[in-house]
Amino acid sequence: MRYGTILSTGRYIPEIEVSNEAFKERMAKVSPDLPGVVDKFAESSGILTRWYAPREWATSDLAVRAAQEAIQRAGIRPEQLDMILLGTDSPDYITPATSVVVQHKLGAVNAGTYDLGCACASFPTGVASACGLIATNPWMKYILVIGAYMMSKLADPNDITSFFYGDGAGAAVIGVSEKPGFVSSTFLADGSYHSYWGIYSGGTFEPASVESVQAGRTQVRLIQRYPPEVNHEGWPKIARGLAEKGGFRFDDVAMVIFTQVRKPSIELVMQTLGMPLSKAHWIMDKWGYMGSACIPVALDDAIQLGKIKSGDLVLLIGSGVGYNQAGVALVMP
């Protein structure tokens, strides 16, 4: 049997910090009431700061830097990659795919590519997809999975919800193992929420126009708040699906990494699952919410801190606008 397994991880956090205090100063210029809203957002999310890339950068620039670290740690060269899967909902362009830009910038001349458009569910979806490709294609040896996010550049800087957006990227090299590796995956979606949060002008639904640009519809907008049950009920359902399909108990799990948008949600879901909070890891306090990048960045951070070790069973559970939810269970090599 051929199994996909994570050989290495990497991350990139840009250098321009925008603390909550700096963000409050910006919002105070928009309305004297907004600094108080920032404080409420901070309390409900656990986000204390966020980091921006230079405004002349694109999402691919973040992705390449995280990929280079993961490739170097795997001890391989870019030209040894067979595939690159990139998840983002802040792409360089509507078309072509951002993954082909990354392939070019990396010099991964032998790799095929495709983009994953599952927002924050993209990384677990990508890892599961990569493991499936490894298992069914004997010629494949190395697949690079990336989650990258630069939504801050697509947001209105005067919009209070831009509080959440931090830039960053995380990556993993998936290779071949004779033992799992990949254990199980599960997926959920509910497209009735597609109109709640997104960028609604610039595609075929409404091509960009002078009027749509002036009205701000080519920027990301929260139109209607998601009910908290989406994650508070969806994440446990994903976790239970992984356990059922993978034949393991939650006692066997060493670490769970969720989408990094609200620390209280992580606390609540871990309690619902009957798991100690010490088996979860979060990063939103120091890096903000990084959308498609938050799960791989959190995974890399937990590994580098020694919280995840060889032989550990790890669950990655993502939840993104649309909505998409995805989970993957893996044993670390």
Protein backbone atom coordinates (compact mmCIF):
# COMPACT_ATOMS: atom_id res chain seq x y z
CA MET A 1 0.00 0.00 0.00
CA ARG A 2 1.06 3.57 -0.75
CA TYR A 3 -0.05 6.22 1.73
CA GLY A 4 0.37 9.96 1.61
CA THR A 5 2.09 11.45 4.63
CA ILE A 6 3.26 14.93 5.65
CA LEU A 7 7.04 15.01 5.23
CA SER A 8 7.53 18.65 6.21
CA THR A 9 5.76 21.94 6.81
CA GLY A 10 6.63 25.61 6.44
CA ARG A 11 5.07 29.01 6.99
CA TYR A 12 5.54 32.65 6.17
CA ILE A 13 4.27 35.60 8.22
CA PRO A 14 5.00 39.03 6.70
CA GLU A 15 6.70 41.79 8.65
CA ILE A 16 4.24 44.70 8.83
CA GLU A 17 2.41 44.48 12.17
CA VAL A 18 -0.96 46.14 12.68
CA SER A 19 -1.81 45.79 16.37
CA ASN A 20 -5.31 46.18 17.76
CA GLU A 21 -4.30 49.60 19.10
CA ALA A 22 -3.13 50.69 15.64
CA PHE A 23 -6.33 49.31 14.14
CA LYS A 24 -8.42 51.22 16.70
CA GLU A 25 -6.64 54.45 15.72
CA ARG A 26 -7.56 53.80 12.10
CA MET A 27 -11.20 53.07 12.94
CA ALA A 28 -11.47 56.16 15.17
CA LYS A 29 -10.97 58.26 12.05
CA VAL A 30 -13.97 56.55 10.47
CA SER A 31 -16.29 56.80 13.49
CA PRO A 32 -15.76 57.51 17.19
CA ASP A 33 -17.89 54.45 18.01
CA LEU A 34 -15.72 51.91 16.16
CA PRO A 35 -12.79 51.60 18.64
CA GLY A 36 -15.28 50.09 21.09
CA VAL A 37 -16.33 47.59 18.43
CA VAL A 38 -12.67 46.65 17.97
CA ASP A 39 -12.45 45.87 21.68
CA LYS A 40 -15.54 43.66 21.43
CA PHE A 41 -14.11 41.85 18.39
CA ALA A 42 -10.85 41.27 20.27
CA GLU A 43 -12.66 39.85 23.27
CA SER A 44 -14.88 37.54 21.20
CA SER A 45 -12.13 36.30 18.88
CA GLY A 46 -8.87 36.35 20.85
CA ILE A 47 -7.16 38.28 18.04
CA LEU A 48 -4.60 40.76 19.39
CA THR A 49 -2.70 41.71 16.22
CA ARG A 50 -2.26 40.91 12.54
CA TRP A 51 0.51 41.16 9.94
CA TYR A 52 0.37 42.64 6.44
CA ALA A 53 2.52 42.00 3.41
CA PRO A 54 3.77 44.97 1.36
CA ARG A 55 0.90 46.33 -0.72
CA GLU A 56 2.77 45.65 -3.98
CA TRP A 57 2.88 41.91 -3.20
CA ALA A 58 0.36 39.32 -4.36
CA THR A 59 -0.86 36.14 -2.67
CA SER A 60 1.61 34.08 -4.71
CA ASP A 61 4.53 35.93 -3.09
CA LEU A 62 3.39 34.75 0.34
CA ALA A 63 2.77 31.22 -0.94
CA VAL A 64 6.22 30.91 -2.47
CA ARG A 65 7.99 31.83 0.76
CA ALA A 66 6.08 29.26 2.81
CA ALA A 67 6.62 26.67 0.09
CA GLN A 68 10.36 27.27 0.00
CA GLU A 69 10.64 26.59 3.72
CA ALA A 70 8.61 23.36 3.47
CA ILE A 71 10.61 22.17 0.44
CA GLN A 72 13.91 22.89 2.16
CA ARG A 73 12.84 21.01 5.29
CA ALA A 74 11.77 18.04 3.16
CA GLY A 75 15.27 17.89 1.71
CA ILE A 76 14.10 18.07 -1.89
CA ARG A 77 14.33 20.51 -4.79
CA PRO A 78 11.41 22.33 -6.44
CA GLU A 79 11.92 20.41 -9.68
CA GLN A 80 11.19 17.16 -7.81
CA LEU A 81 7.59 18.21 -7.11
CA ASP A 82 4.96 16.30 -9.10
CA MET A 83 2.00 18.53 -8.17
CA ILE A 84 1.22 21.82 -6.45
CA LEU A 85 -2.22 22.31 -4.87
CA LEU A 86 -2.92 25.84 -3.67
CA GLY A 87 -5.89 26.89 -1.58
CA THR A 88 -6.88 30.53 -1.37
CA ASP A 89 -9.88 32.82 -1.70
CA SER A 90 -7.65 35.84 -2.30
CA PRO A 91 -6.10 34.76 -5.63
CA ASP A 92 -3.69 36.79 -7.72
CA TYR A 93 -6.23 36.81 -10.56
CA ILE A 94 -9.69 35.47 -11.34
CA THR A 95 -7.85 33.50 -14.02
CA PRO A 96 -5.24 32.09 -14.48
CA ALA A 97 -4.88 29.99 -11.36
CA THR A 98 -2.56 31.28 -8.63
CA SER A 99 -0.96 27.81 -8.39
CA VAL A 100 0.60 28.20 -11.84
CA VAL A 101 2.12 31.52 -10.77
CA VAL A 102 3.58 29.81 -7.70
CA GLN A 103 4.88 26.95 -9.85
CA HIS A 104 6.72 29.45 -12.04
CA LYS A 105 8.12 31.50 -9.15
CA LEU A 106 9.30 28.34 -7.37
CA GLY A 107 10.95 26.87 -10.46
CA ALA A 108 8.91 23.67 -10.03
CA VAL A 109 9.20 22.93 -13.75
CA ASN A 110 7.95 19.33 -13.54
CA ALA A 111 4.88 19.96 -11.40
CA GLY A 112 1.26 20.10 -12.46
CA THR A 113 -0.99 22.44 -10.48
CA TYR A 114 -4.51 23.30 -9.52
CA ASP A 115 -6.24 25.77 -7.20
CA LEU A 116 -8.66 24.88 -4.42
CA GLY A 117 -11.45 27.38 -3.81
CA CYS A 118 -12.78 26.11 -0.47
CA ALA A 119 -11.69 29.17 1.53
CA CYS A 120 -10.60 28.08 5.03
CA ALA A 121 -11.48 24.46 4.25
CA SER A 122 -8.93 24.42 1.41
CA PHE A 123 -5.92 23.07 3.30
CA PRO A 124 -7.52 19.91 4.75
CA THR A 125 -9.20 19.42 1.36
CA GLY A 126 -5.81 19.79 -0.32
CA VAL A 127 -4.06 17.38 2.04
CA ALA A 128 -6.77 14.76 1.52
CA SER A 129 -6.57 15.28 -2.26
CA ALA A 130 -2.78 15.02 -2.27
CA CYS A 131 -2.88 11.81 -0.24
CA GLY A 132 -5.40 10.38 -2.72
CA LEU A 133 -3.16 11.29 -5.64
CA ILE A 134 -0.16 9.68 -3.94
CA ALA A 135 -2.13 6.49 -3.21
CA THR A 136 -3.44 6.07 -6.77
CA ASN A 137 -0.51 7.28 -8.90
CA PRO A 138 2.63 5.16 -8.43
CA TRP A 139 4.75 7.68 -10.34
CA MET A 140 4.05 10.49 -7.88
CA LYS A 141 6.50 11.08 -5.03
CA TYR A 142 6.07 14.66 -3.81
CA ILE A 143 3.05 16.96 -3.74
CA LEU A 144 3.12 20.47 -2.31
CA VAL A 145 -0.04 21.72 -0.60
CA ILE A 146 -0.26 25.43 0.21
CA GLY A 147 -2.77 27.65 1.96
CA ALA A 148 -2.26 31.37 1.35
CA TYR A 149 -4.22 34.48 2.28
CA MET A 150 -3.98 38.17 1.49
CA MET A 151 -7.58 39.24 2.00
CA SER A 152 -6.43 42.47 3.67
CA LYS A 153 -5.56 43.78 0.20
CA LEU A 154 -9.07 43.00 -1.08
CA ALA A 155 -10.82 44.62 1.89
CA ASP A 156 -11.98 48.18 2.45
CA PRO A 157 -9.50 49.52 5.03
CA ASN A 158 -12.35 51.53 6.59
CA ASP A 159 -14.55 48.43 7.01
CA ILE A 160 -14.61 47.30 10.64
CA THR A 161 -14.60 43.61 9.60
CA SER A 162 -11.10 44.07 8.17
CA PHE A 163 -10.15 43.67 11.85
CA PHE A 164 -9.95 39.92 11.21
CA TYR A 165 -7.73 39.78 8.14
CA GLY A 166 -4.06 38.94 8.54
CA ASP A 167 -1.76 37.95 5.68
CA GLY A 168 0.25 34.75 5.64
CA ALA A 169 0.87 31.36 4.08
CA GLY A 170 1.53 27.81 5.20
CA ALA A 171 2.65 24.76 3.24
CA ALA A 172 3.26 21.03 3.54
CA VAL A 173 5.12 18.54 1.38
CA ILE A 174 3.17 15.29 1.05
CA GLY A 175 5.26 12.23 0.27
CA VAL A 176 4.99 8.44 0.10
CA SER A 177 4.82 6.12 3.10
CA GLU A 178 4.17 2.40 3.48
CA LYS A 179 2.02 3.06 6.54
CA PRO A 180 -0.53 5.79 7.31
CA GLY A 181 -0.02 8.77 6.94
CA PHE A 182 -3.45 9.53 5.81
CA VAL A 183 -6.17 7.97 7.96
CA SER A 184 -9.51 9.49 6.94
CA SER A 185 -11.27 12.55 5.56
CA THR A 186 -14.76 14.00 5.61
CA PHE A 187 -16.52 16.97 4.00
CA LEU A 188 -19.64 19.11 4.47
CA ALA A 189 -21.14 22.06 2.61
CA ASP A 190 -24.23 24.25 2.63
CA GLY A 191 -24.41 26.61 -0.33
CA SER A 192 -27.45 28.41 1.09
CA TYR A 193 -24.90 30.56 2.92
CA HIS A 194 -23.07 31.62 -0.25
CA SER A 195 -24.42 35.18 -0.14
CA TYR A 196 -23.34 35.87 3.45
CA TRP A 197 -19.66 36.80 3.03
CA GLY A 198 -17.61 37.23 -0.10
CA ILE A 199 -16.55 39.34 -3.07
CA TYR A 200 -19.63 39.65 -5.20
CA SER A 201 -18.57 41.74 -8.17
CA GLY A 202 -15.81 40.85 -10.62
CA GLY A 203 -17.09 37.43 -11.73
CA THR A 204 -19.83 36.32 -14.09
CA PHE A 205 -22.61 37.08 -11.58
CA GLU A 206 -21.68 40.77 -11.83
CA PRO A 207 -18.66 41.71 -13.95
CA ALA A 208 -16.71 44.60 -12.48
CA SER A 209 -17.92 48.03 -13.53
CA VAL A 210 -17.27 51.61 -12.54
CA GLU A 211 -20.46 51.53 -10.50
CA SER A 212 -19.62 48.25 -8.68
CA VAL A 213 -16.09 49.46 -7.89
CA GLN A 214 -17.39 52.77 -6.53
CA ALA A 215 -19.99 50.90 -4.45
CA GLY A 216 -17.29 48.65 -2.98
CA ARG A 217 -18.71 45.41 -4.37
CA THR A 218 -15.32 44.35 -5.76
CA GLN A 219 -14.04 44.23 -2.17
CA VAL A 220 -14.72 41.53 0.40
CA ARG A 221 -17.88 42.19 2.40
CA LEU A 222 -19.69 40.60 5.31
CA ILE A 223 -23.30 40.86 4.18
CA GLN A 224 -24.91 38.74 6.88
CA ARG A 225 -23.37 37.17 9.97
CA TYR A 226 -23.02 33.39 10.02
CA PRO A 227 -24.87 31.75 12.91
CA PRO A 228 -22.37 30.33 15.42
CA GLU A 229 -23.92 26.86 15.05
CA VAL A 230 -22.21 26.55 11.66
CA ASN A 231 -18.92 25.87 13.46
CA HIS A 232 -20.18 24.86 16.89
CA GLU A 233 -22.19 22.01 15.36
CA GLY A 234 -20.25 21.52 12.13
CA TRP A 235 -16.79 21.03 13.64
CA PRO A 236 -17.89 18.27 16.03
CA LYS A 237 -19.72 16.58 13.15
CA ILE A 238 -16.53 16.66 11.07
CA ALA A 239 -14.46 15.31 13.98
CA ARG A 240 -16.90 12.48 14.64
CA GLY A 241 -16.94 11.62 10.94
CA LEU A 242 -13.16 11.39 10.90
CA ALA A 243 -13.16 9.10 13.93
CA GLU A 244 -15.89 6.86 12.53
CA LYS A 245 -14.27 6.54 9.10
CA GLY A 246 -10.77 6.20 10.55
CA GLY A 247 -11.62 3.71 13.29
CA PHE A 248 -10.14 5.70 16.16
CA ARG A 249 -11.33 7.29 19.42
CA PHE A 250 -10.81 10.88 20.50
CA ASP A 251 -8.58 9.55 23.27
CA ASP A 252 -6.19 8.50 20.50
CA VAL A 253 -5.92 12.06 19.12
CA ALA A 254 -2.86 14.09 20.07
CA MET A 255 -3.84 17.42 18.50
CA VAL A 256 -6.78 19.10 16.76
CA ILE A 257 -6.26 22.21 14.65
CA PHE A 258 -9.35 24.18 13.66
CA THR A 259 -9.89 27.25 11.52
CA GLN A 260 -8.34 30.06 13.54
CA VAL A 261 -11.06 32.70 13.69
CA ARG A 262 -12.40 32.53 17.28
CA LYS A 263 -10.67 31.03 20.28
CA PRO A 264 -13.97 30.70 22.22
CA SER A 265 -15.31 28.49 19.41
CA ILE A 266 -12.31 26.19 19.78
CA GLU A 267 -12.85 26.02 23.54
CA LEU A 268 -16.54 25.22 23.13
CA VAL A 269 -16.04 22.54 20.48
CA MET A 270 -13.27 20.81 22.42
CA GLN A 271 -15.62 20.70 25.42
CA THR A 272 -18.40 19.31 23.20
CA LEU A 273 -16.05 16.55 21.99
CA GLY A 274 -14.97 15.75 25.55
CA MET A 275 -11.36 16.56 24.75
CA PRO A 276 -8.98 18.65 26.90
CA LEU A 277 -8.16 22.10 25.56
CA SER A 278 -4.47 21.15 25.75
CA LYS A 279 -5.08 19.03 22.63
CA ALA A 280 -5.94 22.12 20.58
CA HIS A 281 -3.57 24.77 19.25
CA TRP A 282 -4.36 28.37 18.31
CA ILE A 283 -2.44 31.23 16.74
CA MET A 284 -5.01 33.98 16.14
CA ASP A 285 -3.73 35.88 19.17
CA LYS A 286 -0.32 36.50 17.59
CA TRP A 287 -1.03 36.44 13.84
CA GLY A 288 -4.74 37.20 13.37
CA TYR A 289 -7.15 35.32 11.15
CA MET A 290 -5.40 34.11 7.99
CA GLY A 291 -8.23 32.31 6.23
CA SER A 292 -6.92 29.63 3.88
CA ALA A 293 -3.49 29.87 5.53
CA CYS A 294 -4.46 29.56 9.18
CA ILE A 295 -4.57 25.76 9.47
CA PRO A 296 -1.18 25.06 7.82
CA VAL A 297 0.42 27.93 9.76
CA ALA A 298 -1.02 26.60 13.02
CA LEU A 299 0.12 23.08 12.13
CA ASP A 300 3.66 24.26 11.44
CA ASP A 301 3.70 26.33 14.62
CA ALA A 302 2.58 23.36 16.74
CA ILE A 303 5.26 21.16 15.15
CA GLN A 304 8.01 23.72 15.69
CA LEU A 305 6.95 24.19 19.32
CA GLY A 306 7.17 20.44 19.89
CA LYS A 307 3.44 20.04 20.51
CA ILE A 308 3.15 17.56 17.61
CA LYS A 309 5.61 14.68 17.39
CA SER A 310 6.27 11.61 15.28
CA GLY A 311 3.48 9.06 15.62
CA ASP A 312 0.89 11.60 16.76
CA LEU A 313 -2.64 11.39 15.37
CA VAL A 314 -3.62 14.90 14.25
CA LEU A 315 -6.98 16.24 13.03
CA LEU A 316 -7.17 19.27 10.72
CA ILE A 317 -10.69 20.75 10.57
CA GLY A 318 -11.46 23.75 8.38
CA SER A 319 -14.53 25.88 7.85
CA GLY A 320 -14.82 28.47 5.10
CA VAL A 321 -17.29 30.86 3.53
CA GLY A 322 -19.81 29.41 1.15
CA TYR A 323 -19.87 27.42 3.29
CA ASN A 324 -17.40 24.54 2.96
CA GLN A 325 -16.18 22.38 5.81
CA ALA A 326 -13.51 19.70 5.58
CA GLY A 327 -11.44 17.51 7.85
CA VAL A 328 -8.51 15.15 7.53
CA ALA A 329 -6.95 12.78 10.06
CA LEU A 330 -3.23 12.01 9.79
CA VAL A 331 -0.54 10.14 11.69
CA MET A 332 2.64 12.20 11.66
CA PRO A 333 5.76 10.36 10.39
